[in-house]
Amino acid sequence: MSWQAYVDTNLVGSGKISKAAIVGLGGGVWASSAGFTLSTEEQQKVIGAFTNADNVRQHGILLAGQKFFVLRADDRSVYGKKGSDGCVLVKTKQAVLVAEYGQPVQAGEATPVVENLADYLIGVGY
């Protein structure tokens, strides 16, 4: 399966995620949904969020120009909120899954979609 197919089918295709991208830990966007563009600086901060959780909790995370307040950050997952919308970032062995969801979807519906795909990718070496 291509990286784009993971974004289109597993994430956005779930109906729970509105925008998504896969960012390689070495840099660069492997795949993204239409119109969801992460700047080079945003990509670096997404990757850095997993090594400096205190910083991302203090300053939030910027995704495609939208700033999210970070509710949780650890070495695997970052969860954020912006009004009624939210974001879920999950690190795998080689990449970070970046997903946004919007109303009426709740965090409890969107989070498992991203976490489960991350578990699968980790299980197959990515």
PDB file of N, CA and C in Angstrom:
ATOM      1  N   MET A   1       0.850  -1.177   0.000  1.00  0.00           N
ATOM      2  CA  MET A   1       0.000   0.000   0.000  1.00  0.00           C
ATOM      3  C   MET A   1       0.897   1.242   0.000  1.00  0.00           C
ATOM      4  N   SER A   2       0.546   2.235  -0.766  1.00  0.00           N
ATOM      5  CA  SER A   2       1.339   3.472  -0.816  1.00  0.00           C
ATOM      6  C   SER A   2       1.063   4.319   0.424  1.00  0.00           C
ATOM      7  N   TRP A   3       1.991   5.238   0.713  1.00  0.00           N
ATOM      8  CA  TRP A   3       1.794   6.146   1.848  1.00  0.00           C
ATOM      9  C   TRP A   3       0.546   6.994   1.640  1.00  0.00           C
ATOM     10  N   GLN A   4       0.305   7.400   0.406  1.00  0.00           N
ATOM     11  CA  GLN A   4      -0.878   8.206   0.118  1.00  0.00           C
ATOM     12  C   GLN A   4      -2.154   7.429   0.414  1.00  0.00           C
ATOM     13  N   ALA A   5      -2.135   6.131   0.154  1.00  0.00           N
ATOM     14  CA  ALA A   5      -3.310   5.297   0.426  1.00  0.00           C
ATOM     15  C   ALA A   5      -3.587   5.220   1.932  1.00  0.00           C
ATOM     16  N   TYR A   6      -2.536   5.201   2.755  1.00  0.00           N
ATOM     17  CA  TYR A   6      -2.752   5.209   4.210  1.00  0.00           C
ATOM     18  C   TYR A   6      -3.474   6.489   4.634  1.00  0.00           C
ATOM     19  N   VAL A   7      -3.063   7.616   4.045  1.00  0.00           N
ATOM     20  CA  VAL A   7      -3.713   8.892   4.363  1.00  0.00           C
ATOM     21  C   VAL A   7      -5.151   8.879   3.863  1.00  0.00           C
ATOM     22  N   ASP A   8      -5.340   8.530   2.583  1.00  0.00           N
ATOM     23  CA  ASP A   8      -6.665   8.623   1.957  1.00  0.00           C
ATOM     24  C   ASP A   8      -7.648   7.588   2.477  1.00  0.00           C
ATOM     25  N   THR A   9      -7.194   6.367   2.697  1.00  0.00           N
ATOM     26  CA  THR A   9      -8.083   5.267   3.065  1.00  0.00           C
ATOM     27  C   THR A   9      -8.191   5.078   4.578  1.00  0.00           C
ATOM     28  N   ASN A  10      -7.043   4.925   5.243  1.00  0.00           N
ATOM     29  CA  ASN A  10      -7.060   4.589   6.663  1.00  0.00           C
ATOM     30  C   ASN A  10      -7.363   5.781   7.568  1.00  0.00           C
ATOM     31  N   LEU A  11      -6.919   6.957   7.176  1.00  0.00           N
ATOM     32  CA  LEU A  11      -7.127   8.126   8.040  1.00  0.00           C
ATOM     33  C   LEU A  11      -8.344   8.929   7.581  1.00  0.00           C
ATOM     34  N   VAL A  12      -8.230   9.664   6.496  1.00  0.00           N
ATOM     35  CA  VAL A  12      -9.352  10.493   6.025  1.00  0.00           C
ATOM     36  C   VAL A  12     -10.541   9.614   5.637  1.00  0.00           C
ATOM     37  N   GLY A  13     -10.280   8.474   5.041  1.00  0.00           N
ATOM     38  CA  GLY A  13     -11.342   7.561   4.621  1.00  0.00           C
ATOM     39  C   GLY A  13     -12.142   6.970   5.757  1.00  0.00           C
ATOM     40  N   SER A  14     -11.639   7.091   6.982  1.00  0.00           N
ATOM     41  CA  SER A  14     -12.363   6.576   8.151  1.00  0.00           C
ATOM     42  C   SER A  14     -13.610   7.409   8.451  1.00  0.00           C
ATOM     43  N   GLY A  15     -13.637   8.641   7.926  1.00  0.00           N
ATOM     44  CA  GLY A  15     -14.739   9.537   8.236  1.00  0.00           C
ATOM     45  C   GLY A  15     -14.560  10.267   9.556  1.00  0.00           C
ATOM     46  N   LYS A  16     -13.525   9.947  10.289  1.00  0.00           N
ATOM     47  CA  LYS A  16     -13.258  10.582  11.593  1.00  0.00           C
ATOM     48  C   LYS A  16     -12.151  11.626  11.506  1.00  0.00           C
ATOM     49  N   ILE A  17     -11.333  11.555  10.468  1.00  0.00           N
ATOM     50  CA  ILE A  17     -10.201  12.454  10.288  1.00  0.00           C
ATOM     51  C   ILE A  17     -10.489  13.348   9.084  1.00  0.00           C
ATOM     52  N   SER A  18     -10.316  14.666   9.254  1.00  0.00           N
ATOM     53  CA  SER A  18     -10.600  15.593   8.146  1.00  0.00           C
ATOM     54  C   SER A  18      -9.376  15.895   7.296  1.00  0.00           C
ATOM     55  N   LYS A  19      -8.191  15.924   7.910  1.00  0.00           N
ATOM     56  CA  LYS A  19      -6.944  16.200   7.200  1.00  0.00           C
ATOM     57  C   LYS A  19      -5.851  15.350   7.814  1.00  0.00           C
ATOM     58  N   ALA A  20      -4.897  14.919   6.986  1.00  0.00           N
ATOM     59  CA  ALA A  20      -3.837  14.079   7.528  1.00  0.00           C
ATOM     60  C   ALA A  20      -2.582  14.160   6.671  1.00  0.00           C
ATOM     61  N   ALA A  21      -1.466  13.811   7.311  1.00  0.00           N
ATOM     62  CA  ALA A  21      -0.184  13.732   6.618  1.00  0.00           C
ATOM     63  C   ALA A  21       0.682  12.698   7.325  1.00  0.00           C
ATOM     64  N   ILE A  22       1.657  12.204   6.591  1.00  0.00           N
ATOM     65  CA  ILE A  22       2.684  11.344   7.170  1.00  0.00           C
ATOM     66  C   ILE A  22       4.010  12.057   6.936  1.00  0.00           C
ATOM     67  N   VAL A  23       4.706  12.359   8.032  1.00  0.00           N
ATOM     68  CA  VAL A  23       5.967  13.085   7.973  1.00  0.00           C
ATOM     69  C   VAL A  23       7.088  12.123   8.374  1.00  0.00           C
ATOM     70  N   GLY A  24       8.097  11.975   7.512  1.00  0.00           N
ATOM     71  CA  GLY A  24       9.231  11.112   7.822  1.00  0.00           C
ATOM     72  C   GLY A  24      10.077  11.698   8.938  1.00  0.00           C
ATOM     73  N   LEU A  25      10.601  10.841   9.817  1.00  0.00           N
ATOM     74  CA  LEU A  25      11.439  11.323  10.911  1.00  0.00           C
ATOM     75  C   LEU A  25      12.715  11.974  10.403  1.00  0.00           C
ATOM     76  N   GLY A  26      13.138  11.595   9.199  1.00  0.00           N
ATOM     77  CA  GLY A  26      14.308  12.214   8.581  1.00  0.00           C
ATOM     78  C   GLY A  26      13.972  13.498   7.849  1.00  0.00           C
ATOM     79  N   GLY A  27      12.710  13.893   7.898  1.00  0.00           N
ATOM     80  CA  GLY A  27      12.264  15.099   7.208  1.00  0.00           C
ATOM     81  C   GLY A  27      11.476  14.773   5.964  1.00  0.00           C
ATOM     82  N   GLY A  28      10.620  15.676   5.567  1.00  0.00           N
ATOM     83  CA  GLY A  28       9.831  15.509   4.353  1.00  0.00           C
ATOM     84  C   GLY A  28       8.481  14.880   4.607  1.00  0.00           C
ATOM     85  N   VAL A  29       7.517  15.325   3.823  1.00  0.00           N
ATOM     86  CA  VAL A  29       6.163  14.779   3.896  1.00  0.00           C
ATOM     87  C   VAL A  29       6.075  13.607   2.931  1.00  0.00           C
ATOM     88  N   TRP A  30       5.724  12.429   3.446  1.00  0.00           N
ATOM     89  CA  TRP A  30       5.600  11.238   2.607  1.00  0.00           C
ATOM     90  C   TRP A  30       4.272  11.224   1.873  1.00  0.00           C
ATOM     91  N   ALA A  31       3.238  11.769   2.510  1.00  0.00           N
ATOM     92  CA  ALA A  31       1.901  11.811   1.906  1.00  0.00           C
ATOM     93  C   ALA A  31       1.056  12.795   2.706  1.00  0.00           C
ATOM     94  N   SER A  32       0.066  13.399   2.041  1.00  0.00           N
ATOM     95  CA  SER A  32      -0.839  14.286   2.755  1.00  0.00           C
ATOM     96  C   SER A  32      -2.164  14.387   2.023  1.00  0.00           C
ATOM     97  N   SER A  33      -3.192  14.762   2.766  1.00  0.00           N
ATOM     98  CA  SER A  33      -4.493  14.967   2.141  1.00  0.00           C
ATOM     99  C   SER A  33      -4.468  16.299   1.390  1.00  0.00           C
ATOM    100  N   ALA A  34      -5.358  16.438   0.439  1.00  0.00           N
ATOM    101  CA  ALA A  34      -5.408  17.633  -0.411  1.00  0.00           C
ATOM    102  C   ALA A  34      -5.564  18.892   0.439  1.00  0.00           C
ATOM    103  N   GLY A  35      -4.724  19.883   0.174  1.00  0.00           N
ATOM    104  CA  GLY A  35      -4.819  21.155   0.865  1.00  0.00           C
ATOM    105  C   GLY A  35      -4.221  21.187   2.256  1.00  0.00           C
ATOM    106  N   PHE A  36      -3.652  20.095   2.722  1.00  0.00           N
ATOM    107  CA  PHE A  36      -3.042  20.042   4.053  1.00  0.00           C
ATOM    108  C   PHE A  36      -1.533  20.107   3.869  1.00  0.00           C
ATOM    109  N   THR A  37      -1.008  21.315   3.924  1.00  0.00           N
ATOM    110  CA  THR A  37       0.408  21.538   3.648  1.00  0.00           C
ATOM    111  C   THR A  37       1.124  21.975   4.914  1.00  0.00           C
ATOM    112  N   LEU A  38       2.111  21.195   5.316  1.00  0.00           N
ATOM    113  CA  LEU A  38       2.918  21.521   6.488  1.00  0.00           C
ATOM    114  C   LEU A  38       4.215  22.151   6.013  1.00  0.00           C
ATOM    115  N   SER A  39       4.526  23.338   6.510  1.00  0.00           N
ATOM    116  CA  SER A  39       5.776  24.002   6.140  1.00  0.00           C
ATOM    117  C   SER A  39       6.956  23.195   6.683  1.00  0.00           C
ATOM    118  N   THR A  40       8.142  23.482   6.178  1.00  0.00           N
ATOM    119  CA  THR A  40       9.349  22.808   6.661  1.00  0.00           C
ATOM    120  C   THR A  40       9.517  23.030   8.155  1.00  0.00           C
ATOM    121  N   GLU A  41       9.263  24.252   8.625  1.00  0.00           N
ATOM    122  CA  GLU A  41       9.367  24.549  10.050  1.00  0.00           C
ATOM    123  C   GLU A  41       8.340  23.752  10.860  1.00  0.00           C
ATOM    124  N   GLU A  42       7.108  23.661  10.350  1.00  0.00           N
ATOM    125  CA  GLU A  42       6.074  22.872  11.041  1.00  0.00           C
ATOM    126  C   GLU A  42       6.466  21.400  11.094  1.00  0.00           C
ATOM    127  N   GLN A  43       7.026  20.874  10.005  1.00  0.00           N
ATOM    128  CA  GLN A  43       7.470  19.477   9.996  1.00  0.00           C
ATOM    129  C   GLN A  43       8.537  19.240  11.058  1.00  0.00           C
ATOM    130  N   GLN A  44       9.500  20.152  11.165  1.00  0.00           N
ATOM    131  CA  GLN A  44      10.567  20.018  12.161  1.00  0.00           C
ATOM    132  C   GLN A  44      10.003  20.053  13.573  1.00  0.00           C
ATOM    133  N   LYS A  45       9.016  20.915  13.809  1.00  0.00           N
ATOM    134  CA  LYS A  45       8.418  21.009  15.140  1.00  0.00           C
ATOM    135  C   LYS A  45       7.570  19.779  15.464  1.00  0.00           C
ATOM    136  N   VAL A  46       6.923  19.207  14.448  1.00  0.00           N
ATOM    137  CA  VAL A  46       6.167  17.964  14.645  1.00  0.00           C
ATOM    138  C   VAL A  46       7.123  16.864  15.107  1.00  0.00           C
ATOM    139  N   ILE A  47       8.239  16.724  14.425  1.00  0.00           N
ATOM    140  CA  ILE A  47       9.222  15.698  14.783  1.00  0.00           C
ATOM    141  C   ILE A  47       9.806  15.990  16.166  1.00  0.00           C
ATOM    142  N   GLY A  48      10.131  17.259  16.433  1.00  0.00           N
ATOM    143  CA  GLY A  48      10.720  17.648  17.708  1.00  0.00           C
ATOM    144  C   GLY A  48       9.781  17.532  18.896  1.00  0.00           C
ATOM    145  N   ALA A  49       8.483  17.508  18.630  1.00  0.00           N
ATOM    146  CA  ALA A  49       7.500  17.422  19.716  1.00  0.00           C
ATOM    147  C   ALA A  49       7.693  16.176  20.571  1.00  0.00           C
ATOM    148  N   PHE A  50       8.261  15.127  19.998  1.00  0.00           N
ATOM    149  CA  PHE A  50       8.398  13.860  20.716  1.00  0.00           C
ATOM    150  C   PHE A  50       9.667  13.793  21.556  1.00  0.00           C
ATOM    151  N   THR A  51      10.583  14.723  21.336  1.00  0.00           N
ATOM    152  CA  THR A  51      11.803  14.751  22.135  1.00  0.00           C
ATOM    153  C   THR A  51      11.788  15.882  23.152  1.00  0.00           C
ATOM    154  N   ASN A  52      10.852  16.829  23.000  1.00  0.00           N
ATOM    155  CA  ASN A  52      10.750  17.942  23.937  1.00  0.00           C
ATOM    156  C   ASN A  52       9.278  18.200  24.255  1.00  0.00           C
ATOM    157  N   ALA A  53       8.700  17.276  25.004  1.00  0.00           N
ATOM    158  CA  ALA A  53       7.271  17.345  25.321  1.00  0.00           C
ATOM    159  C   ALA A  53       6.926  18.594  26.121  1.00  0.00           C
ATOM    160  N   ASP A  54       7.813  19.027  27.023  1.00  0.00           N
ATOM    161  CA  ASP A  54       7.529  20.217  27.824  1.00  0.00           C
ATOM    162  C   ASP A  54       7.367  21.445  26.937  1.00  0.00           C
ATOM    163  N   ASN A  55       8.218  21.575  25.924  1.00  0.00           N
ATOM    164  CA  ASN A  55       8.158  22.717  25.020  1.00  0.00           C
ATOM    165  C   ASN A  55       6.848  22.737  24.236  1.00  0.00           C
ATOM    166  N   VAL A  56       6.445  21.593  23.703  1.00  0.00           N
ATOM    167  CA  VAL A  56       5.209  21.549  22.902  1.00  0.00           C
ATOM    168  C   VAL A  56       3.983  21.763  23.789  1.00  0.00           C
ATOM    169  N   ARG A  57       4.037  21.280  25.031  1.00  0.00           N
ATOM    170  CA  ARG A  57       2.927  21.538  25.959  1.00  0.00           C
ATOM    171  C   ARG A  57       2.835  23.029  26.285  1.00  0.00           C
ATOM    172  N   GLN A  58       3.963  23.682  26.391  1.00  0.00           N
ATOM    173  CA  GLN A  58       3.991  25.104  26.736  1.00  0.00           C
ATOM    174  C   GLN A  58       3.596  25.997  25.559  1.00  0.00           C
ATOM    175  N   HIS A  59       4.060  25.657  24.350  1.00  0.00           N
ATOM    176  CA  HIS A  59       3.880  26.542  23.204  1.00  0.00           C
ATOM    177  C   HIS A  59       2.832  26.083  22.196  1.00  0.00           C
ATOM    178  N   GLY A  60       2.343  24.853  22.327  1.00  0.00           N
ATOM    179  CA  GLY A  60       1.385  24.340  21.364  1.00  0.00           C
ATOM    180  C   GLY A  60       2.076  23.830  20.111  1.00  0.00           C
ATOM    181  N   ILE A  61       1.267  23.438  19.131  1.00  0.00           N
ATOM    182  CA  ILE A  61       1.795  22.909  17.870  1.00  0.00           C
ATOM    183  C   ILE A  61       1.074  23.594  16.715  1.00  0.00           C
ATOM    184  N   LEU A  62       1.828  23.955  15.692  1.00  0.00           N
ATOM    185  CA  LEU A  62       1.290  24.627  14.521  1.00  0.00           C
ATOM    186  C   LEU A  62       1.211  23.626  13.378  1.00  0.00           C
ATOM    187  N   LEU A  63       0.009  23.457  12.812  1.00  0.00           N
ATOM    188  CA  LEU A  63      -0.207  22.526  11.693  1.00  0.00           C
ATOM    189  C   LEU A  63      -0.913  23.278  10.577  1.00  0.00           C
ATOM    190  N   ALA A  64      -0.254  23.389   9.432  1.00  0.00           N
ATOM    191  CA  ALA A  64      -0.817  24.083   8.265  1.00  0.00           C
ATOM    192  C   ALA A  64      -1.339  25.474   8.658  1.00  0.00           C
ATOM    193  N   GLY A  65      -0.559  26.161   9.480  1.00  0.00           N
ATOM    194  CA  GLY A  65      -0.905  27.523   9.878  1.00  0.00           C
ATOM    195  C   GLY A  65      -1.893  27.648  11.018  1.00  0.00           C
ATOM    196  N   GLN A  66      -2.402  26.536  11.531  1.00  0.00           N
ATOM    197  CA  GLN A  66      -3.369  26.551  12.634  1.00  0.00           C
ATOM    198  C   GLN A  66      -2.679  26.113  13.923  1.00  0.00           C
ATOM    199  N   LYS A  67      -2.803  26.931  14.966  1.00  0.00           N
ATOM    200  CA  LYS A  67      -2.168  26.606  16.242  1.00  0.00           C
ATOM    201  C   LYS A  67      -3.119  25.821  17.132  1.00  0.00           C
ATOM    202  N   PHE A  68      -2.612  24.706  17.663  1.00  0.00           N
ATOM    203  CA  PHE A  68      -3.368  23.848  18.565  1.00  0.00           C
ATOM    204  C   PHE A  68      -2.751  23.907  19.957  1.00  0.00           C
ATOM    205  N   PHE A  69      -3.601  24.022  20.961  1.00  0.00           N
ATOM    206  CA  PHE A  69      -3.212  23.933  22.358  1.00  0.00           C
ATOM    207  C   PHE A  69      -2.986  22.454  22.659  1.00  0.00           C
ATOM    208  N   VAL A  70      -1.852  22.112  23.240  1.00  0.00           N
ATOM    209  CA  VAL A  70      -1.520  20.704  23.469  1.00  0.00           C
ATOM    210  C   VAL A  70      -2.032  20.251  24.838  1.00  0.00           C
ATOM    211  N   LEU A  71      -2.838  19.195  24.797  1.00  0.00           N
ATOM    212  CA  LEU A  71      -3.424  18.619  26.009  1.00  0.00           C
ATOM    213  C   LEU A  71      -2.552  17.513  26.581  1.00  0.00           C
ATOM    214  N   ARG A  72      -1.887  16.783  25.697  1.00  0.00           N
ATOM    215  CA  ARG A  72      -1.058  15.656  26.119  1.00  0.00           C
ATOM    216  C   ARG A  72       0.109  15.543  25.162  1.00  0.00           C
ATOM    217  N   ALA A  73       1.282  15.277  25.709  1.00  0.00           N
ATOM    218  CA  ALA A  73       2.462  15.049  24.878  1.00  0.00           C
ATOM    219  C   ALA A  73       3.393  14.094  25.614  1.00  0.00           C
ATOM    220  N   ASP A  74       3.794  13.034  24.929  1.00  0.00           N
ATOM    221  CA  ASP A  74       4.791  12.113  25.467  1.00  0.00           C
ATOM    222  C   ASP A  74       5.650  11.621  24.305  1.00  0.00           C
ATOM    223  N   ASP A  75       6.433  10.579  24.518  1.00  0.00           N
ATOM    224  CA  ASP A  75       7.356  10.138  23.468  1.00  0.00           C
ATOM    225  C   ASP A  75       6.674   9.353  22.351  1.00  0.00           C
ATOM    226  N   ARG A  76       5.368   9.117  22.446  1.00  0.00           N
ATOM    227  CA  ARG A  76       4.633   8.429  21.388  1.00  0.00           C
ATOM    228  C   ARG A  76       3.540   9.290  20.756  1.00  0.00           C
ATOM    229  N   SER A  77       2.785  10.027  21.576  1.00  0.00           N
ATOM    230  CA  SER A  77       1.592  10.727  21.087  1.00  0.00           C
ATOM    231  C   SER A  77       1.533  12.173  21.556  1.00  0.00           C
ATOM    232  N   VAL A  78       0.952  13.015  20.690  1.00  0.00           N
ATOM    233  CA  VAL A  78       0.652  14.405  21.030  1.00  0.00           C
ATOM    234  C   VAL A  78      -0.806  14.646  20.653  1.00  0.00           C
ATOM    235  N   TYR A  79      -1.594  15.131  21.601  1.00  0.00           N
ATOM    236  CA  TYR A  79      -3.001  15.436  21.358  1.00  0.00           C
ATOM    237  C   TYR A  79      -3.211  16.921  21.578  1.00  0.00           C
ATOM    238  N   GLY A  80      -3.907  17.567  20.639  1.00  0.00           N
ATOM    239  CA  GLY A  80      -4.141  18.993  20.746  1.00  0.00           C
ATOM    240  C   GLY A  80      -5.578  19.371  20.454  1.00  0.00           C
ATOM    241  N   LYS A  81      -5.932  20.601  20.828  1.00  0.00           N
ATOM    242  CA  LYS A  81      -7.286  21.137  20.632  1.00  0.00           C
ATOM    243  C   LYS A  81      -7.201  22.568  20.128  1.00  0.00           C
ATOM    244  N   LYS A  82      -8.161  22.926  19.295  1.00  0.00           N
ATOM    245  CA  LYS A  82      -8.351  24.307  18.856  1.00  0.00           C
ATOM    246  C   LYS A  82      -9.860  24.491  18.730  1.00  0.00           C
ATOM    247  N   GLY A  83     -10.471  25.075  19.742  1.00  0.00           N
ATOM    248  CA  GLY A  83     -11.922  25.193  19.758  1.00  0.00           C
ATOM    249  C   GLY A  83     -12.544  23.811  19.801  1.00  0.00           C
ATOM    250  N   SER A  84     -13.426  23.514  18.854  1.00  0.00           N
ATOM    251  CA  SER A  84     -14.069  22.196  18.819  1.00  0.00           C
ATOM    252  C   SER A  84     -13.299  21.212  17.946  1.00  0.00           C
ATOM    253  N   ASP A  85     -12.201  21.663  17.324  1.00  0.00           N
ATOM    254  CA  ASP A  85     -11.375  20.793  16.482  1.00  0.00           C
ATOM    255  C   ASP A  85     -10.188  20.275  17.272  1.00  0.00           C
ATOM    256  N   GLY A  86      -9.528  19.267  16.736  1.00  0.00           N
ATOM    257  CA  GLY A  86      -8.385  18.716  17.444  1.00  0.00           C
ATOM    258  C   GLY A  86      -7.376  18.100  16.501  1.00  0.00           C
ATOM    259  N   CYS A  87      -6.245  17.704  17.082  1.00  0.00           N
ATOM    260  CA  CYS A  87      -5.213  17.026  16.310  1.00  0.00           C
ATOM    261  C   CYS A  87      -4.659  15.863  17.111  1.00  0.00           C
ATOM    262  N   VAL A  88      -4.177  14.877  16.365  1.00  0.00           N
ATOM    263  CA  VAL A  88      -3.557  13.693  16.946  1.00  0.00           C
ATOM    264  C   VAL A  88      -2.280  13.453  16.156  1.00  0.00           C
ATOM    265  N   LEU A  89      -1.148  13.396  16.839  1.00  0.00           N
ATOM    266  CA  LEU A  89       0.135  13.080  16.226  1.00  0.00           C
ATOM    267  C   LEU A  89       0.657  11.832  16.910  1.00  0.00           C
ATOM    268  N   VAL A  90       1.056  10.838  16.124  1.00  0.00           N
ATOM    269  CA  VAL A  90       1.573   9.607  16.704  1.00  0.00           C
ATOM    270  C   VAL A  90       2.855   9.229  15.968  1.00  0.00           C
ATOM    271  N   LYS A  91       3.893   8.963  16.749  1.00  0.00           N
ATOM    272  CA  LYS A  91       5.199   8.603  16.204  1.00  0.00           C
ATOM    273  C   LYS A  91       5.296   7.096  16.004  1.00  0.00           C
ATOM    274  N   THR A  92       5.805   6.706  14.848  1.00  0.00           N
ATOM    275  CA  THR A  92       6.122   5.306  14.583  1.00  0.00           C
ATOM    276  C   THR A  92       7.645   5.183  14.548  1.00  0.00           C
ATOM    277  N   LYS A  93       8.176   4.064  14.064  1.00  0.00           N
ATOM    278  CA  LYS A  93       9.624   3.887  14.015  1.00  0.00           C
ATOM    279  C   LYS A  93      10.297   4.822  13.019  1.00  0.00           C
ATOM    280  N   GLN A  94       9.589   5.180  11.929  1.00  0.00           N
ATOM    281  CA  GLN A  94      10.208   5.965  10.871  1.00  0.00           C
ATOM    282  C   GLN A  94       9.463   7.240  10.492  1.00  0.00           C
ATOM    283  N   ALA A  95       8.301   7.474  11.096  1.00  0.00           N
ATOM    284  CA  ALA A  95       7.477   8.604  10.668  1.00  0.00           C
ATOM    285  C   ALA A  95       6.591   9.093  11.808  1.00  0.00           C
ATOM    286  N   VAL A  96       5.893  10.194  11.521  1.00  0.00           N
ATOM    287  CA  VAL A  96       4.870  10.709  12.438  1.00  0.00           C
ATOM    288  C   VAL A  96       3.567  10.824  11.650  1.00  0.00           C
ATOM    289  N   LEU A  97       2.518  10.221  12.172  1.00  0.00           N
ATOM    290  CA  LEU A  97       1.188  10.385  11.596  1.00  0.00           C
ATOM    291  C   LEU A  97       0.603  11.670  12.181  1.00  0.00           C
ATOM    292  N   VAL A  98       0.159  12.554  11.309  1.00  0.00           N
ATOM    293  CA  VAL A  98      -0.400  13.845  11.731  1.00  0.00           C
ATOM    294  C   VAL A  98      -1.846  13.882  11.243  1.00  0.00           C
ATOM    295  N   ALA A  99      -2.786  14.062  12.147  1.00  0.00           N
ATOM    296  CA  ALA A  99      -4.193  14.046  11.764  1.00  0.00           C
ATOM    297  C   ALA A  99      -4.951  15.157  12.479  1.00  0.00           C
ATOM    298  N   GLU A 100      -5.902  15.751  11.764  1.00  0.00           N
ATOM    299  CA  GLU A 100      -6.818  16.728  12.346  1.00  0.00           C
ATOM    300  C   GLU A 100      -8.235  16.185  12.215  1.00  0.00           C
ATOM    301  N   TYR A 101      -9.066  16.533  13.193  1.00  0.00           N
ATOM    302  CA  TYR A 101     -10.484  16.187  13.132  1.00  0.00           C
ATOM    303  C   TYR A 101     -11.284  17.427  13.493  1.00  0.00           C
ATOM    304  N   GLY A 102     -12.512  17.459  13.011  1.00  0.00           N
ATOM    305  CA  GLY A 102     -13.373  18.611  13.264  1.00  0.00           C
ATOM    306  C   GLY A 102     -14.732  18.177  13.744  1.00  0.00           C
ATOM    307  N   GLN A 103     -15.459  19.148  14.241  1.00  0.00           N
ATOM    308  CA  GLN A 103     -16.803  18.911  14.746  1.00  0.00           C
ATOM    309  C   GLN A 103     -17.659  18.250  13.669  1.00  0.00           C
ATOM    310  N   PRO A 104     -18.470  17.259  13.947  1.00  0.00           N
ATOM    311  CA  PRO A 104     -18.914  16.779  15.253  1.00  0.00           C
ATOM    312  C   PRO A 104     -18.074  15.640  15.817  1.00  0.00           C
ATOM    313  N   VAL A 105     -16.961  15.286  15.163  1.00  0.00           N
ATOM    314  CA  VAL A 105     -16.108  14.194  15.644  1.00  0.00           C
ATOM    315  C   VAL A 105     -15.447  14.608  16.955  1.00  0.00           C
ATOM    316  N   GLN A 106     -15.416  13.690  17.895  1.00  0.00           N
ATOM    317  CA  GLN A 106     -14.793  13.912  19.202  1.00  0.00           C
ATOM    318  C   GLN A 106     -13.449  13.195  19.253  1.00  0.00           C
ATOM    319  N   ALA A 107     -12.602  13.623  20.187  1.00  0.00           N
ATOM    320  CA  ALA A 107     -11.272  13.036  20.341  1.00  0.00           C
ATOM    321  C   ALA A 107     -11.330  11.517  20.508  1.00  0.00           C
ATOM    322  N   GLY A 108     -12.303  11.037  21.258  1.00  0.00           N
ATOM    323  CA  GLY A 108     -12.427   9.600  21.500  1.00  0.00           C
ATOM    324  C   GLY A 108     -12.759   8.792  20.259  1.00  0.00           C
ATOM    325  N   GLU A 109     -13.246   9.449  19.222  1.00  0.00           N
ATOM    326  CA  GLU A 109     -13.520   8.775  17.947  1.00  0.00           C
ATOM    327  C   GLU A 109     -12.311   8.837  17.019  1.00  0.00           C
ATOM    328  N   ALA A 110     -11.610   9.971  17.026  1.00  0.00           N
ATOM    329  CA  ALA A 110     -10.498  10.181  16.101  1.00  0.00           C
ATOM    330  C   ALA A 110      -9.199   9.524  16.566  1.00  0.00           C
ATOM    331  N   THR A 111      -8.938   9.603  17.847  1.00  0.00           N
ATOM    332  CA  THR A 111      -7.665   9.110  18.382  1.00  0.00           C
ATOM    333  C   THR A 111      -7.403   7.636  18.055  1.00  0.00           C
ATOM    334  N   PRO A 112      -8.362   6.723  18.259  1.00  0.00           N
ATOM    335  CA  PRO A 112      -8.076   5.316  17.950  1.00  0.00           C
ATOM    336  C   PRO A 112      -7.750   5.064  16.479  1.00  0.00           C
ATOM    337  N   VAL A 113      -8.311   5.849  15.588  1.00  0.00           N
ATOM    338  CA  VAL A 113      -8.029   5.681  14.156  1.00  0.00           C
ATOM    339  C   VAL A 113      -6.536   5.870  13.903  1.00  0.00           C
ATOM    340  N   VAL A 114      -5.977   6.928  14.475  1.00  0.00           N
ATOM    341  CA  VAL A 114      -4.564   7.242  14.264  1.00  0.00           C
ATOM    342  C   VAL A 114      -3.667   6.292  15.052  1.00  0.00           C
ATOM    343  N   GLU A 115      -4.014   6.049  16.303  1.00  0.00           N
ATOM    344  CA  GLU A 115      -3.204   5.157  17.150  1.00  0.00           C
ATOM    345  C   GLU A 115      -3.159   3.738  16.578  1.00  0.00           C
ATOM    346  N   ASN A 116      -4.286   3.246  16.077  1.00  0.00           N
ATOM    347  CA  ASN A 116      -4.315   1.882  15.526  1.00  0.00           C
ATOM    348  C   ASN A 116      -3.487   1.765  14.256  1.00  0.00           C
ATOM    349  N   LEU A 117      -3.521   2.785  13.383  1.00  0.00           N
ATOM    350  CA  LEU A 117      -2.674   2.760  12.191  1.00  0.00           C
ATOM    351  C   LEU A 117      -1.208   2.805  12.601  1.00  0.00           C
ATOM    352  N   ALA A 118      -0.879   3.617  13.607  1.00  0.00           N
ATOM    353  CA  ALA A 118       0.499   3.670  14.082  1.00  0.00           C
ATOM    354  C   ALA A 118       0.943   2.307  14.608  1.00  0.00           C
ATOM    355  N   ASP A 119       0.091   1.636  15.374  1.00  0.00           N
ATOM    356  CA  ASP A 119       0.419   0.290  15.884  1.00  0.00           C
ATOM    357  C   ASP A 119       0.710  -0.666  14.729  1.00  0.00           C
ATOM    358  N   TYR A 120      -0.120  -0.613  13.689  1.00  0.00           N
ATOM    359  CA  TYR A 120       0.080  -1.470  12.514  1.00  0.00           C
ATOM    360  C   TYR A 120       1.433  -1.163  11.859  1.00  0.00           C
ATOM    361  N   LEU A 121       1.709   0.115  11.613  1.00  0.00           N
ATOM    362  CA  LEU A 121       2.960   0.485  10.941  1.00  0.00           C
ATOM    363  C   LEU A 121       4.179   0.098  11.768  1.00  0.00           C
ATOM    364  N   ILE A 122       4.098   0.282  13.076  1.00  0.00           N
ATOM    365  CA  ILE A 122       5.199  -0.139  13.957  1.00  0.00           C
ATOM    366  C   ILE A 122       5.393  -1.648  13.834  1.00  0.00           C
ATOM    367  N   GLY A 123       4.290  -2.384  13.810  1.00  0.00           N
ATOM    368  CA  GLY A 123       4.346  -3.846  13.713  1.00  0.00           C
ATOM    369  C   GLY A 123       4.986  -4.351  12.439  1.00  0.00           C
ATOM    370  N   VAL A 124       4.915  -3.571  11.356  1.00  0.00           N
ATOM    371  CA  VAL A 124       5.535  -3.986  10.089  1.00  0.00           C
ATOM    372  C   VAL A 124       6.858  -3.258   9.831  1.00  0.00           C
ATOM    373  N   GLY A 125       7.396  -2.615  10.862  1.00  0.00           N
ATOM    374  CA  GLY A 125       8.734  -2.047  10.763  1.00  0.00           C
ATOM    375  C   GLY A 125       8.807  -0.582  10.382  1.00  0.00           C
ATOM    376  N   TYR A 126       7.679   0.072  10.255  1.00  0.00           N
ATOM    377  CA  TYR A 126       7.703   1.493   9.921  1.00  0.00           C
ATOM    378  C   TYR A 126       7.330   2.340  11.105  1.00  0.00           C
TER     379      TYR A 126
END
